[in-house]
C-alpha cells in the first residue's frame, strides 16, 4: 500500500513513474486505474540481465520490500542509482539477514536504504556503509471520522483490533486481556476482531478462548473500504502486535479518523506515540497491561475522546500524504544527485 501511495503521489506531482512486478494482482489493478503503467515480468525475481538493460532508461530504481534483493543484485555495476525501500519489522529483517547470506551481501549494493522507523533503520545500518534513512509511512486523509461522540458514556465503547490474523498481530493477547476483565466490564463495552486469517493453526486457539467472552464478535477478510467503514464505527482501535516496523497503516488510519489508540510499544511506536497524550501504550505480550488500558477507557469514556483528538492532531502534523510526498521526493532526488557509490566505481 505504501508503494501505491508513493506512485500515485508521484503521478499527481509531475514525476514519471512505472511499476514492474513478477506477478499481477489486485494492487496492479489499482495502479492501472490511476493511469500508472504496470509491467508484469516473472524474470524480475531472478535478477535476469534483461532487467538491468531495461533499468538503464530510468533516473532511479526503487526496490520495494526486503524480498527484492534480486533486483538490487541485478543492478550491480549499473550507473542508475537504486533505492531499497524496506518495510518489514525489525525482528523479521533480523531473521532474514541472519539466515540469508545472499541478502546480507546485497544490502551494501543499494545507494540508499529507506526504512519506516529509526528502530528498523538501525537493523540495516549494521550491514552497510551506504546511507540508511527513516521515511515514515503516511496515508491520504480519509475524511471525517464518523461515529457519534461518546464522551458521556451513553453507549458501550466499541473496541476494534483490525489486522491479519497471525501471532505477530497478537489477537491471542487481546482475547486473553478481555478474558481477564470482570464480567460487568465485558458487558459495558463491545469488542471485535476483524481480518484475514493468515495462520490457520493460530486462529483455532484464539477462537477457543474467545468463546467465553461477552459482547465479542469476529469478522473475516475485508477490503480496504470495508475496513475503513468498520473503523469509523469504532471508538478505540487496539494494536496488540508483538512486532511492527512502524505503527501500521491501520494505526495511521485510526489516527486520521480521530480514534483512541491502545498500542504495544514495538518498532517505531515510541517515535510517534506518547503515553497518555495521543495513545495508551503497553508492553507487548502483557495481557494484564492491555486489560488495564482497556478498563481505563471503559471507566473513563471521555479519555477516549481526548486521545482521539490528539491522535488526529498527530496525523495532521506527521503522517499526511503531502508531508510524505515531499520527503520522498527529496530523498529520491538526493540519491540521483549523489556521485557513484564505491561499489559502482569499483565495477566501472
C-alpha atoms as a PDB file:
ATOM      1  CA  UNK A   1       0.000   0.000   0.000  1.00  0.00           C
ATOM      2  CA  UNK A   2       2.884   2.408   0.642  1.00  0.00           C
ATOM      3  CA  UNK A   3       4.116   1.659  -2.888  1.00  0.00           C
ATOM      4  CA  UNK A   4       0.653   2.577  -4.161  1.00  0.00           C
ATOM      5  CA  UNK A   5       0.575   5.826  -2.165  1.00  0.00           C
ATOM      6  CA  UNK A   6       4.081   6.780  -3.333  1.00  0.00           C
ATOM      7  CA  UNK A   7       3.469   6.068  -7.007  1.00  0.00           C
ATOM      8  CA  UNK A   8       0.121   7.862  -7.104  1.00  0.00           C
ATOM      9  CA  UNK A   9       1.655  10.885  -5.367  1.00  0.00           C
ATOM     10  CA  UNK A  10       4.426  10.916  -7.977  1.00  0.00           C
ATOM     11  CA  UNK A  11       1.921  10.614 -10.809  1.00  0.00           C
ATOM     12  CA  UNK A  12      -0.006  13.618  -9.490  1.00  0.00           C
ATOM     13  CA  UNK A  13       3.107  15.712  -8.955  1.00  0.00           C
ATOM     14  CA  UNK A  14       4.703  15.534 -12.402  1.00  0.00           C
ATOM     15  CA  UNK A  15       7.095  12.682 -11.659  1.00  0.00           C
ATOM     16  CA  UNK A  16       7.054   9.938 -14.279  1.00  0.00           C
ATOM     17  CA  UNK A  17       6.777   6.546 -12.603  1.00  0.00           C
ATOM     18  CA  UNK A  18       6.444   2.961 -13.785  1.00  0.00           C
ATOM     19  CA  UNK A  19       5.877  -0.207 -11.756  1.00  0.00           C
ATOM     20  CA  UNK A  20       7.305  -3.614 -12.645  1.00  0.00           C
ATOM     21  CA  UNK A  21       6.411  -6.762 -10.689  1.00  0.00           C
ATOM     22  CA  UNK A  22       6.947 -10.517 -11.092  1.00  0.00           C
ATOM     23  CA  UNK A  23       3.204 -11.256 -10.955  1.00  0.00           C
ATOM     24  CA  UNK A  24      -0.078  -9.416 -11.267  1.00  0.00           C
ATOM     25  CA  UNK A  25      -2.709  -8.927  -8.580  1.00  0.00           C
ATOM     26  CA  UNK A  26      -5.278  -6.548  -7.061  1.00  0.00           C
ATOM     27  CA  UNK A  27      -2.694  -3.820  -6.467  1.00  0.00           C
ATOM     28  CA  UNK A  28      -1.830  -3.885 -10.156  1.00  0.00           C
ATOM     29  CA  UNK A  29      -5.426  -3.087 -10.996  1.00  0.00           C
ATOM     30  CA  UNK A  30      -5.440  -0.175  -8.529  1.00  0.00           C
ATOM     31  CA  UNK A  31      -2.267   1.218 -10.098  1.00  0.00           C
ATOM     32  CA  UNK A  32      -3.630   0.882 -13.626  1.00  0.00           C
ATOM     33  CA  UNK A  33      -6.817   2.655 -12.566  1.00  0.00           C
ATOM     34  CA  UNK A  34      -4.618   5.596 -11.559  1.00  0.00           C
ATOM     35  CA  UNK A  35      -3.009   5.636 -15.015  1.00  0.00           C
ATOM     36  CA  UNK A  36       0.295   4.197 -13.805  1.00  0.00           C
ATOM     37  CA  UNK A  37       1.982   1.814 -16.268  1.00  0.00           C
ATOM     38  CA  UNK A  38       2.442  -1.681 -14.835  1.00  0.00           C
ATOM     39  CA  UNK A  39       4.713  -4.332 -16.364  1.00  0.00           C
ATOM     40  CA  UNK A  40       4.464  -7.943 -15.184  1.00  0.00           C
ATOM     41  CA  UNK A  41       7.637  -9.941 -15.793  1.00  0.00           C
ATOM     42  CA  UNK A  42       8.412 -13.198 -13.894  1.00  0.00           C
ATOM     43  CA  UNK A  43      12.129 -12.751 -14.719  1.00  0.00           C
ATOM     44  CA  UNK A  44      12.223  -9.866 -12.247  1.00  0.00           C
ATOM     45  CA  UNK A  45      12.558 -12.291  -9.318  1.00  0.00           C
ATOM     46  CA  UNK A  46      15.566 -13.990 -10.894  1.00  0.00           C
ATOM     47  CA  UNK A  47      17.752 -10.902 -11.291  1.00  0.00           C
ATOM     48  CA  UNK A  48      17.866 -11.551 -15.043  1.00  0.00           C
ATOM     49  CA  UNK A  49      20.190  -9.299 -17.051  1.00  0.00           C
ATOM     50  CA  UNK A  50      17.263  -8.117 -19.183  1.00  0.00           C
ATOM     51  CA  UNK A  51      16.063  -6.094 -16.201  1.00  0.00           C
ATOM     52  CA  UNK A  52      19.397  -4.302 -15.936  1.00  0.00           C
ATOM     53  CA  UNK A  53      19.143  -3.306 -19.601  1.00  0.00           C
ATOM     54  CA  UNK A  54      15.606  -2.038 -19.005  1.00  0.00           C
ATOM     55  CA  UNK A  55      16.609  -0.133 -15.852  1.00  0.00           C
ATOM     56  CA  UNK A  56      19.200   1.969 -17.702  1.00  0.00           C
ATOM     57  CA  UNK A  57      16.347   4.036 -19.116  1.00  0.00           C
ATOM     58  CA  UNK A  58      15.400   5.446 -15.708  1.00  0.00           C
ATOM     59  CA  UNK A  59      16.832   8.053 -13.343  1.00  0.00           C
ATOM     60  CA  UNK A  60      16.287   5.864 -10.284  1.00  0.00           C
ATOM     61  CA  UNK A  61      15.100   2.372  -9.392  1.00  0.00           C
ATOM     62  CA  UNK A  62      13.207   1.731  -6.144  1.00  0.00           C
ATOM     63  CA  UNK A  63      13.263  -1.860  -4.918  1.00  0.00           C
ATOM     64  CA  UNK A  64      10.193  -2.373  -2.724  1.00  0.00           C
ATOM     65  CA  UNK A  65      10.376  -4.648   0.373  1.00  0.00           C
ATOM     66  CA  UNK A  66      13.203  -6.855   1.590  1.00  0.00           C
ATOM     67  CA  UNK A  67      12.205  -9.551  -0.922  1.00  0.00           C
ATOM     68  CA  UNK A  68      13.571  -7.633  -3.944  1.00  0.00           C
ATOM     69  CA  UNK A  69      17.239  -8.369  -3.346  1.00  0.00           C
ATOM     70  CA  UNK A  70      17.381  -9.996  -6.794  1.00  0.00           C
ATOM     71  CA  UNK A  71      16.656  -6.584  -8.335  1.00  0.00           C
ATOM     72  CA  UNK A  72      19.398  -4.964  -6.269  1.00  0.00           C
ATOM     73  CA  UNK A  73      21.927  -7.600  -7.310  1.00  0.00           C
ATOM     74  CA  UNK A  74      20.889  -7.341 -10.984  1.00  0.00           C
ATOM     75  CA  UNK A  75      21.859  -3.663 -10.996  1.00  0.00           C
ATOM     76  CA  UNK A  76      25.355  -4.187  -9.623  1.00  0.00           C
ATOM     77  CA  UNK A  77      27.711  -2.173 -11.802  1.00  0.00           C
ATOM     78  CA  UNK A  78      24.948  -0.164 -13.453  1.00  0.00           C
ATOM     79  CA  UNK A  79      25.056   3.629 -13.250  1.00  0.00           C
ATOM     80  CA  UNK A  80      21.371   4.006 -12.363  1.00  0.00           C
ATOM     81  CA  UNK A  81      21.008   4.686  -8.607  1.00  0.00           C
ATOM     82  CA  UNK A  82      19.000   2.168  -6.617  1.00  0.00           C
ATOM     83  CA  UNK A  83      16.959   2.915  -3.518  1.00  0.00           C
ATOM     84  CA  UNK A  84      15.893  -0.076  -1.438  1.00  0.00           C
ATOM     85  CA  UNK A  85      12.650   0.629   0.435  1.00  0.00           C
ATOM     86  CA  UNK A  86      12.248  -1.955   3.195  1.00  0.00           C
ATOM     87  CA  UNK A  87       9.020  -2.148   5.205  1.00  0.00           C
ATOM     88  CA  UNK A  88       9.414  -5.293   7.287  1.00  0.00           C
ATOM     89  CA  UNK A  89       9.537  -5.148  11.123  1.00  0.00           C
ATOM     90  CA  UNK A  90      12.954  -5.252  12.743  1.00  0.00           C
ATOM     91  CA  UNK A  91      12.665  -8.834  14.010  1.00  0.00           C
ATOM     92  CA  UNK A  92      11.629 -10.038  10.541  1.00  0.00           C
ATOM     93  CA  UNK A  93      14.555  -8.194   8.943  1.00  0.00           C
ATOM     94  CA  UNK A  94      16.950  -9.614  11.537  1.00  0.00           C
ATOM     95  CA  UNK A  95      15.743 -13.128  10.777  1.00  0.00           C
ATOM     96  CA  UNK A  96      16.129 -12.800   7.012  1.00  0.00           C
ATOM     97  CA  UNK A  97      19.518 -11.115   7.263  1.00  0.00           C
ATOM     98  CA  UNK A  98      20.801 -13.737   9.682  1.00  0.00           C
ATOM     99  CA  UNK A  99      19.611 -16.684   7.604  1.00  0.00           C
ATOM    100  CA  UNK A 100      20.281 -15.461   4.044  1.00  0.00           C
ATOM    101  CA  UNK A 101      23.888 -14.735   3.040  1.00  0.00           C
ATOM    102  CA  UNK A 102      22.815 -13.502  -0.410  1.00  0.00           C
ATOM    103  CA  UNK A 103      20.528 -10.961   1.205  1.00  0.00           C
ATOM    104  CA  UNK A 104      23.298  -9.739   3.529  1.00  0.00           C
ATOM    105  CA  UNK A 105      25.614  -9.362   0.565  1.00  0.00           C
ATOM    106  CA  UNK A 106      23.002  -7.371  -1.385  1.00  0.00           C
ATOM    107  CA  UNK A 107      22.349  -4.743   1.313  1.00  0.00           C
ATOM    108  CA  UNK A 108      25.555  -2.719   0.651  1.00  0.00           C
ATOM    109  CA  UNK A 109      24.782  -2.640  -3.092  1.00  0.00           C
ATOM    110  CA  UNK A 110      21.912  -0.170  -2.689  1.00  0.00           C
ATOM    111  CA  UNK A 111      22.797   3.513  -2.857  1.00  0.00           C
ATOM    112  CA  UNK A 112      20.195   4.321  -0.214  1.00  0.00           C
ATOM    113  CA  UNK A 113      18.002   2.261   2.091  1.00  0.00           C
ATOM    114  CA  UNK A 114      14.691   3.640   3.380  1.00  0.00           C
ATOM    115  CA  UNK A 115      13.000   2.238   6.492  1.00  0.00           C
ATOM    116  CA  UNK A 116       9.736   3.330   8.137  1.00  0.00           C
ATOM    117  CA  UNK A 117      11.265   3.954  11.576  1.00  0.00           C
ATOM    118  CA  UNK A 118      14.626   4.709  13.140  1.00  0.00           C
ATOM    119  CA  UNK A 119      14.481   1.463  15.101  1.00  0.00           C
ATOM    120  CA  UNK A 120      14.155  -0.534  11.870  1.00  0.00           C
ATOM    121  CA  UNK A 121      16.791   1.572  10.118  1.00  0.00           C
ATOM    122  CA  UNK A 122      19.246   0.663  12.885  1.00  0.00           C
ATOM    123  CA  UNK A 123      18.985  -3.018  11.917  1.00  0.00           C
ATOM    124  CA  UNK A 124      20.218  -2.329   8.382  1.00  0.00           C
ATOM    125  CA  UNK A 125      22.974   0.099   9.347  1.00  0.00           C
ATOM    126  CA  UNK A 126      24.961  -2.831  10.722  1.00  0.00           C
ATOM    127  CA  UNK A 127      25.160  -4.342   7.227  1.00  0.00           C
ATOM    128  CA  UNK A 128      26.103  -1.390   5.013  1.00  0.00           C
ATOM    129  CA  UNK A 129      28.177   1.768   4.855  1.00  0.00           C
ATOM    130  CA  UNK A 130      25.650   3.342   2.491  1.00  0.00           C
ATOM    131  CA  UNK A 131      23.034   5.763   3.896  1.00  0.00           C
ATOM    132  CA  UNK A 132      20.045   4.242   5.700  1.00  0.00           C
ATOM    133  CA  UNK A 133      17.338   6.830   6.336  1.00  0.00           C
ATOM    134  CA  UNK A 134      13.949   6.880   8.006  1.00  0.00           C
ATOM    135  CA  UNK A 135      10.949   7.591   5.779  1.00  0.00           C
ATOM    136  CA  UNK A 136       7.823   7.412   7.903  1.00  0.00           C
ATOM    137  CA  UNK A 137       4.677   5.989   6.374  1.00  0.00           C
ATOM    138  CA  UNK A 138       1.686   8.144   5.512  1.00  0.00           C
ATOM    139  CA  UNK A 139      -1.836   7.810   4.152  1.00  0.00           C
ATOM    140  CA  UNK A 140      -4.249  10.077   2.295  1.00  0.00           C
ATOM    141  CA  UNK A 141      -6.742  11.755   4.601  1.00  0.00           C
ATOM    142  CA  UNK A 142      -9.869   9.528   4.644  1.00  0.00           C
ATOM    143  CA  UNK A 143     -12.095  12.398   5.762  1.00  0.00           C
ATOM    144  CA  UNK A 144     -14.333  12.783   8.832  1.00  0.00           C
ATOM    145  CA  UNK A 145     -14.060  10.002  11.361  1.00  0.00           C
ATOM    146  CA  UNK A 146     -17.711   9.052  11.595  1.00  0.00           C
ATOM    147  CA  UNK A 147     -19.404   7.503  14.588  1.00  0.00           C
ATOM    148  CA  UNK A 148     -21.056   9.514  17.329  1.00  0.00           C
ATOM    149  CA  UNK A 149     -19.080  11.105  20.137  1.00  0.00           C
ATOM    150  CA  UNK A 150     -19.379   9.013  23.283  1.00  0.00           C
ATOM    151  CA  UNK A 151     -17.647  11.224  25.844  1.00  0.00           C
ATOM    152  CA  UNK A 152     -20.610  10.955  28.207  1.00  0.00           C
ATOM    153  CA  UNK A 153     -20.601   7.157  28.004  1.00  0.00           C
ATOM    154  CA  UNK A 154     -24.210   6.957  26.794  1.00  0.00           C
ATOM    155  CA  UNK A 155     -23.496   3.728  24.917  1.00  0.00           C
ATOM    156  CA  UNK A 156     -20.899   0.959  25.233  1.00  0.00           C
ATOM    157  CA  UNK A 157     -17.444   1.821  23.888  1.00  0.00           C
ATOM    158  CA  UNK A 158     -16.545  -0.147  20.768  1.00  0.00           C
ATOM    159  CA  UNK A 159     -13.044  -1.670  20.686  1.00  0.00           C
ATOM    160  CA  UNK A 160     -11.613  -2.973  17.401  1.00  0.00           C
ATOM    161  CA  UNK A 161      -8.488  -4.981  16.602  1.00  0.00           C
ATOM    162  CA  UNK A 162      -8.097  -4.909  12.825  1.00  0.00           C
ATOM    163  CA  UNK A 163      -5.353  -6.837  11.065  1.00  0.00           C
ATOM    164  CA  UNK A 164      -4.283 -10.120   9.540  1.00  0.00           C
ATOM    165  CA  UNK A 165      -4.850 -12.987  11.977  1.00  0.00           C
ATOM    166  CA  UNK A 166      -1.390 -14.283  12.863  1.00  0.00           C
ATOM    167  CA  UNK A 167       0.777 -14.484  16.000  1.00  0.00           C
ATOM    168  CA  UNK A 168       2.618 -11.250  15.170  1.00  0.00           C
ATOM    169  CA  UNK A 169      -0.617  -9.230  15.397  1.00  0.00           C
ATOM    170  CA  UNK A 170      -1.384 -10.513  18.905  1.00  0.00           C
ATOM    171  CA  UNK A 171      -5.065 -11.423  18.641  1.00  0.00           C
ATOM    172  CA  UNK A 172      -4.432 -14.028  21.348  1.00  0.00           C
ATOM    173  CA  UNK A 173      -3.088 -11.339  23.691  1.00  0.00           C
ATOM    174  CA  UNK A 174      -6.163  -9.192  23.039  1.00  0.00           C
ATOM    175  CA  UNK A 175      -8.548 -12.077  23.782  1.00  0.00           C
ATOM    176  CA  UNK A 176      -6.604 -13.044  26.899  1.00  0.00           C
ATOM    177  CA  UNK A 177      -6.794  -9.450  28.121  1.00  0.00           C
ATOM    178  CA  UNK A 178     -10.559  -9.368  27.561  1.00  0.00           C
ATOM    179  CA  UNK A 179     -10.999 -12.681  29.368  1.00  0.00           C
ATOM    180  CA  UNK A 180      -9.328 -11.205  32.439  1.00  0.00           C
ATOM    181  CA  UNK A 181     -11.833  -8.344  32.651  1.00  0.00           C
ATOM    182  CA  UNK A 182     -14.631  -8.623  35.188  1.00  0.00           C
ATOM    183  CA  UNK A 183     -17.963  -9.692  33.639  1.00  0.00           C
ATOM    184  CA  UNK A 184     -19.506  -6.291  34.285  1.00  0.00           C
ATOM    185  CA  UNK A 185     -16.697  -4.618  32.312  1.00  0.00           C
ATOM    186  CA  UNK A 186     -17.155  -7.033  29.427  1.00  0.00           C
ATOM    187  CA  UNK A 187     -20.857  -6.182  29.404  1.00  0.00           C
ATOM    188  CA  UNK A 188     -20.063  -2.455  29.444  1.00  0.00           C
ATOM    189  CA  UNK A 189     -18.284  -2.468  26.056  1.00  0.00           C
ATOM    190  CA  UNK A 190     -18.222  -4.149  22.664  1.00  0.00           C
ATOM    191  CA  UNK A 191     -15.158  -5.922  21.270  1.00  0.00           C
ATOM    192  CA  UNK A 192     -14.361  -7.023  17.744  1.00  0.00           C
ATOM    193  CA  UNK A 193     -11.560  -8.696  15.811  1.00  0.00           C
ATOM    194  CA  UNK A 194     -11.522  -8.344  12.023  1.00  0.00           C
ATOM    195  CA  UNK A 195      -9.081  -9.549   9.402  1.00  0.00           C
ATOM    196  CA  UNK A 196      -7.996 -12.305   7.079  1.00  0.00           C
ATOM    197  CA  UNK A 197      -6.639 -15.480   8.663  1.00  0.00           C
ATOM    198  CA  UNK A 198      -3.004 -15.825   7.592  1.00  0.00           C
ATOM    199  CA  UNK A 199      -2.068 -18.559  10.064  1.00  0.00           C
ATOM    200  CA  UNK A 200      -4.747 -21.284  10.070  1.00  0.00           C
ATOM    201  CA  UNK A 201      -3.077 -23.048  13.013  1.00  0.00           C
ATOM    202  CA  UNK A 202      -3.165 -19.893  15.146  1.00  0.00           C
ATOM    203  CA  UNK A 203      -6.815 -18.906  14.856  1.00  0.00           C
ATOM    204  CA  UNK A 204      -8.440 -22.010  16.471  1.00  0.00           C
ATOM    205  CA  UNK A 205      -6.519 -21.331  19.696  1.00  0.00           C
ATOM    206  CA  UNK A 206      -7.772 -17.734  19.724  1.00  0.00           C
ATOM    207  CA  UNK A 207     -11.312 -18.812  18.883  1.00  0.00           C
ATOM    208  CA  UNK A 208     -11.415 -21.272  21.777  1.00  0.00           C
ATOM    209  CA  UNK A 209     -10.539 -18.522  24.266  1.00  0.00           C
ATOM    210  CA  UNK A 210     -12.923 -16.061  22.636  1.00  0.00           C
ATOM    211  CA  UNK A 211     -15.975 -18.284  23.070  1.00  0.00           C
ATOM    212  CA  UNK A 212     -16.076 -17.403  26.775  1.00  0.00           C
ATOM    213  CA  UNK A 213     -16.271 -13.634  26.161  1.00  0.00           C
ATOM    214  CA  UNK A 214     -19.304 -11.384  26.294  1.00  0.00           C
ATOM    215  CA  UNK A 215     -20.066  -8.743  23.647  1.00  0.00           C
ATOM    216  CA  UNK A 216     -17.371 -10.167  21.378  1.00  0.00           C
ATOM    217  CA  UNK A 217     -17.594 -10.643  17.602  1.00  0.00           C
ATOM    218  CA  UNK A 218     -15.357 -11.626  14.691  1.00  0.00           C
ATOM    219  CA  UNK A 219     -15.310 -10.573  11.052  1.00  0.00           C
ATOM    220  CA  UNK A 220     -13.207 -12.158   8.345  1.00  0.00           C
ATOM    221  CA  UNK A 221     -11.295 -10.673   5.433  1.00  0.00           C
ATOM    222  CA  UNK A 222     -12.265  -7.128   4.455  1.00  0.00           C
ATOM    223  CA  UNK A 223     -11.427  -4.958   1.504  1.00  0.00           C
ATOM    224  CA  UNK A 224      -9.998  -1.535   2.254  1.00  0.00           C
ATOM    225  CA  UNK A 225     -13.304   0.318   2.027  1.00  0.00           C
ATOM    226  CA  UNK A 226     -14.944  -2.166   4.394  1.00  0.00           C
ATOM    227  CA  UNK A 227     -12.055  -1.874   6.842  1.00  0.00           C
ATOM    228  CA  UNK A 228     -12.309   1.928   6.894  1.00  0.00           C
ATOM    229  CA  UNK A 229     -16.077   1.740   7.376  1.00  0.00           C
ATOM    230  CA  UNK A 230     -15.629  -0.616  10.310  1.00  0.00           C
ATOM    231  CA  UNK A 231     -13.000   1.634  11.834  1.00  0.00           C
ATOM    232  CA  UNK A 232     -15.237   4.688  11.531  1.00  0.00           C
ATOM    233  CA  UNK A 233     -17.779   2.999  13.794  1.00  0.00           C
ATOM    234  CA  UNK A 234     -15.189   2.083  16.440  1.00  0.00           C
ATOM    235  CA  UNK A 235     -14.275   4.253  19.411  1.00  0.00           C
ATOM    236  CA  UNK A 236     -10.951   2.593  20.201  1.00  0.00           C
ATOM    237  CA  UNK A 237      -8.527   0.826  17.863  1.00  0.00           C
ATOM    238  CA  UNK A 238      -6.236  -1.702  19.517  1.00  0.00           C
ATOM    239  CA  UNK A 239      -2.853  -2.872  18.262  1.00  0.00           C
ATOM    240  CA  UNK A 240      -1.642  -5.829  20.325  1.00  0.00           C
ATOM    241  CA  UNK A 241       1.226  -6.614  17.939  1.00  0.00           C
ATOM    242  CA  UNK A 242       4.326  -8.431  19.051  1.00  0.00           C
ATOM    243  CA  UNK A 243       6.332  -6.602  16.378  1.00  0.00           C
ATOM    244  CA  UNK A 244       5.866  -3.855  13.779  1.00  0.00           C
ATOM    245  CA  UNK A 245       8.268  -1.802  11.671  1.00  0.00           C
ATOM    246  CA  UNK A 246       6.247   1.294  12.484  1.00  0.00           C
ATOM    247  CA  UNK A 247       2.711   1.956  13.622  1.00  0.00           C
ATOM    248  CA  UNK A 248       0.932   0.176  10.824  1.00  0.00           C
ATOM    249  CA  UNK A 249      -1.217   1.661   8.086  1.00  0.00           C
ATOM    250  CA  UNK A 250      -4.190   0.577  10.224  1.00  0.00           C
ATOM    251  CA  UNK A 251      -2.884   2.654  13.129  1.00  0.00           C
ATOM    252  CA  UNK A 252      -2.309   5.630  10.834  1.00  0.00           C
ATOM    253  CA  UNK A 253      -5.844   5.289   9.532  1.00  0.00           C
ATOM    254  CA  UNK A 254      -7.152   5.174  13.091  1.00  0.00           C
ATOM    255  CA  UNK A 255      -5.226   8.334  13.910  1.00  0.00           C
ATOM    256  CA  UNK A 256      -6.510  10.107  10.814  1.00  0.00           C
ATOM    257  CA  UNK A 257     -10.070   9.171  11.816  1.00  0.00           C
ATOM    258  CA  UNK A 258      -9.561  10.562  15.311  1.00  0.00           C
ATOM    259  CA  UNK A 259      -9.880   7.228  17.100  1.00  0.00           C
ATOM    260  CA  UNK A 260      -8.429   6.494  20.514  1.00  0.00           C
ATOM    261  CA  UNK A 261      -5.472   4.109  20.346  1.00  0.00           C
ATOM    262  CA  UNK A 262      -4.153   1.368  22.567  1.00  0.00           C
ATOM    263  CA  UNK A 263      -0.863   0.140  21.116  1.00  0.00           C
ATOM    264  CA  UNK A 264       2.043  -2.030  22.103  1.00  0.00           C
ATOM    265  CA  UNK A 265       5.482  -0.467  22.356  1.00  0.00           C
ATOM    266  CA  UNK A 266       7.075  -2.167  19.345  1.00  0.00           C
ATOM    267  CA  UNK A 267       9.036  -0.937  16.346  1.00  0.00           C
ATOM    268  CA  UNK A 268       8.788   2.792  15.950  1.00  0.00           C
ATOM    269  CA  UNK A 269       5.776   3.283  18.251  1.00  0.00           C
ATOM    270  CA  UNK A 270       7.696   5.403  20.742  1.00  0.00           C
ATOM    271  CA  UNK A 271       8.894   7.624  17.903  1.00  0.00           C
ATOM    272  CA  UNK A 272       5.361   8.924  17.293  1.00  0.00           C
ATOM    273  CA  UNK A 273       3.100   7.854  20.175  1.00  0.00           C
ATOM    274  CA  UNK A 274       3.167   9.398  23.649  1.00  0.00           C
ATOM    275  CA  UNK A 275       1.613   7.606  26.598  1.00  0.00           C
ATOM    276  CA  UNK A 276      -1.488   9.338  27.864  1.00  0.00           C
ATOM    277  CA  UNK A 277      -1.307  12.056  25.225  1.00  0.00           C
ATOM    278  CA  UNK A 278      -2.205  10.537  21.850  1.00  0.00           C
ATOM    279  CA  UNK A 279      -2.398   6.862  22.866  1.00  0.00           C
ATOM    280  CA  UNK A 280      -2.296   4.404  25.730  1.00  0.00           C
ATOM    281  CA  UNK A 281       0.866   2.328  25.417  1.00  0.00           C
ATOM    282  CA  UNK A 282       1.509  -1.152  26.777  1.00  0.00           C
ATOM    283  CA  UNK A 283       4.354  -3.610  26.552  1.00  0.00           C
ATOM    284  CA  UNK A 284       3.907  -6.476  24.057  1.00  0.00           C
ATOM    285  CA  UNK A 285       2.798  -9.905  25.248  1.00  0.00           C
ATOM    286  CA  UNK A 286       1.431  -8.487  28.509  1.00  0.00           C
ATOM    287  CA  UNK A 287      -2.341  -9.144  28.518  1.00  0.00           C
ATOM    288  CA  UNK A 288      -2.628  -7.809  32.073  1.00  0.00           C
ATOM    289  CA  UNK A 289      -1.318  -4.394  30.991  1.00  0.00           C
ATOM    290  CA  UNK A 290      -3.581  -4.402  27.938  1.00  0.00           C
ATOM    291  CA  UNK A 291      -6.565  -5.232  30.146  1.00  0.00           C
ATOM    292  CA  UNK A 292      -5.737  -2.283  32.434  1.00  0.00           C
ATOM    293  CA  UNK A 293      -5.668   0.093  29.439  1.00  0.00           C
ATOM    294  CA  UNK A 294      -8.999  -1.265  28.149  1.00  0.00           C
ATOM    295  CA  UNK A 295     -10.595  -0.947  31.584  1.00  0.00           C
ATOM    296  CA  UNK A 296      -9.282   2.593  31.917  1.00  0.00           C
ATOM    297  CA  UNK A 297     -11.175   3.689  28.794  1.00  0.00           C
ATOM    298  CA  UNK A 298     -14.346   1.795  29.683  1.00  0.00           C
ATOM    299  CA  UNK A 299     -14.414   3.571  33.033  1.00  0.00           C
ATOM    300  CA  UNK A 300     -13.467   6.954  31.534  1.00  0.00           C
ATOM    301  CA  UNK A 301     -15.003   7.263  28.040  1.00  0.00           C
ATOM    302  CA  UNK A 302     -14.164  10.977  27.949  1.00  0.00           C
ATOM    303  CA  UNK A 303     -10.483   9.992  27.864  1.00  0.00           C
ATOM    304  CA  UNK A 304     -11.131   8.034  24.669  1.00  0.00           C
ATOM    305  CA  UNK A 305     -12.418  11.211  23.042  1.00  0.00           C
ATOM    306  CA  UNK A 306      -9.413  13.228  24.209  1.00  0.00           C
ATOM    307  CA  UNK A 307      -6.955  10.625  22.917  1.00  0.00           C
ATOM    308  CA  UNK A 308      -8.766  10.544  19.585  1.00  0.00           C
ATOM    309  CA  UNK A 309      -8.457  14.300  19.147  1.00  0.00           C
ATOM    310  CA  UNK A 310      -4.732  14.189  19.930  1.00  0.00           C
ATOM    311  CA  UNK A 311      -4.271  11.262  17.561  1.00  0.00           C
ATOM    312  CA  UNK A 312      -5.842  13.278  14.763  1.00  0.00           C
ATOM    313  CA  UNK A 313      -3.517  16.201  15.526  1.00  0.00           C
ATOM    314  CA  UNK A 314      -0.532  13.831  15.388  1.00  0.00           C
ATOM    315  CA  UNK A 315      -1.674  12.569  11.993  1.00  0.00           C
ATOM    316  CA  UNK A 316      -2.047  16.102  10.627  1.00  0.00           C
ATOM    317  CA  UNK A 317       1.433  17.013  11.820  1.00  0.00           C
ATOM    318  CA  UNK A 318       3.383  13.905  10.856  1.00  0.00           C
ATOM    319  CA  UNK A 319       1.535  11.487   8.607  1.00  0.00           C
ATOM    320  CA  UNK A 320      -0.207  13.280   5.786  1.00  0.00           C
ATOM    321  CA  UNK A 321       0.500  12.145   2.246  1.00  0.00           C
ATOM    322  CA  UNK A 322       1.653  15.696   1.452  1.00  0.00           C
ATOM    323  CA  UNK A 323       4.404  15.513   4.057  1.00  0.00           C
ATOM    324  CA  UNK A 324       5.388  12.060   2.862  1.00  0.00           C
ATOM    325  CA  UNK A 325       5.434  13.044  -0.805  1.00  0.00           C
ATOM    326  CA  UNK A 326       7.777  15.980  -0.382  1.00  0.00           C
ATOM    327  CA  UNK A 327      10.124  13.981   1.831  1.00  0.00           C
ATOM    328  CA  UNK A 328      10.035  11.088  -0.636  1.00  0.00           C
ATOM    329  CA  UNK A 329      10.858  13.474  -3.482  1.00  0.00           C
ATOM    330  CA  UNK A 330      13.816  14.939  -1.613  1.00  0.00           C
ATOM    331  CA  UNK A 331      15.258  11.541  -0.694  1.00  0.00           C
ATOM    332  CA  UNK A 332      14.990  10.216  -4.256  1.00  0.00           C
ATOM    333  CA  UNK A 333      16.426  13.430  -5.713  1.00  0.00           C
ATOM    334  CA  UNK A 334      19.326  13.147  -3.265  1.00  0.00           C
ATOM    335  CA  UNK A 335      20.043   9.586  -4.369  1.00  0.00           C
ATOM    336  CA  UNK A 336      20.003  10.632  -8.022  1.00  0.00           C
ATOM    337  CA  UNK A 337      22.342  13.583  -7.463  1.00  0.00           C
ATOM    338  CA  UNK A 338      24.936  11.649  -5.474  1.00  0.00           C
ATOM    339  CA  UNK A 339      28.182  10.605  -7.208  1.00  0.00           C
ATOM    340  CA  UNK A 340      28.790   6.967  -7.979  1.00  0.00           C
ATOM    341  CA  UNK A 341      28.979   4.776  -4.903  1.00  0.00           C
ATOM    342  CA  UNK A 342      32.123   2.875  -4.059  1.00  0.00           C
ATOM    343  CA  UNK A 343      30.691  -0.369  -5.389  1.00  0.00           C
ATOM    344  CA  UNK A 344      29.773   1.260  -8.717  1.00  0.00           C
ATOM    345  CA  UNK A 345      33.181   2.904  -9.040  1.00  0.00           C
ATOM    346  CA  UNK A 346      34.886  -0.413  -8.409  1.00  0.00           C
ATOM    347  CA  UNK A 347      32.777  -2.169 -11.021  1.00  0.00           C
ATOM    348  CA  UNK A 348      33.145   0.591 -13.627  1.00  0.00           C
END
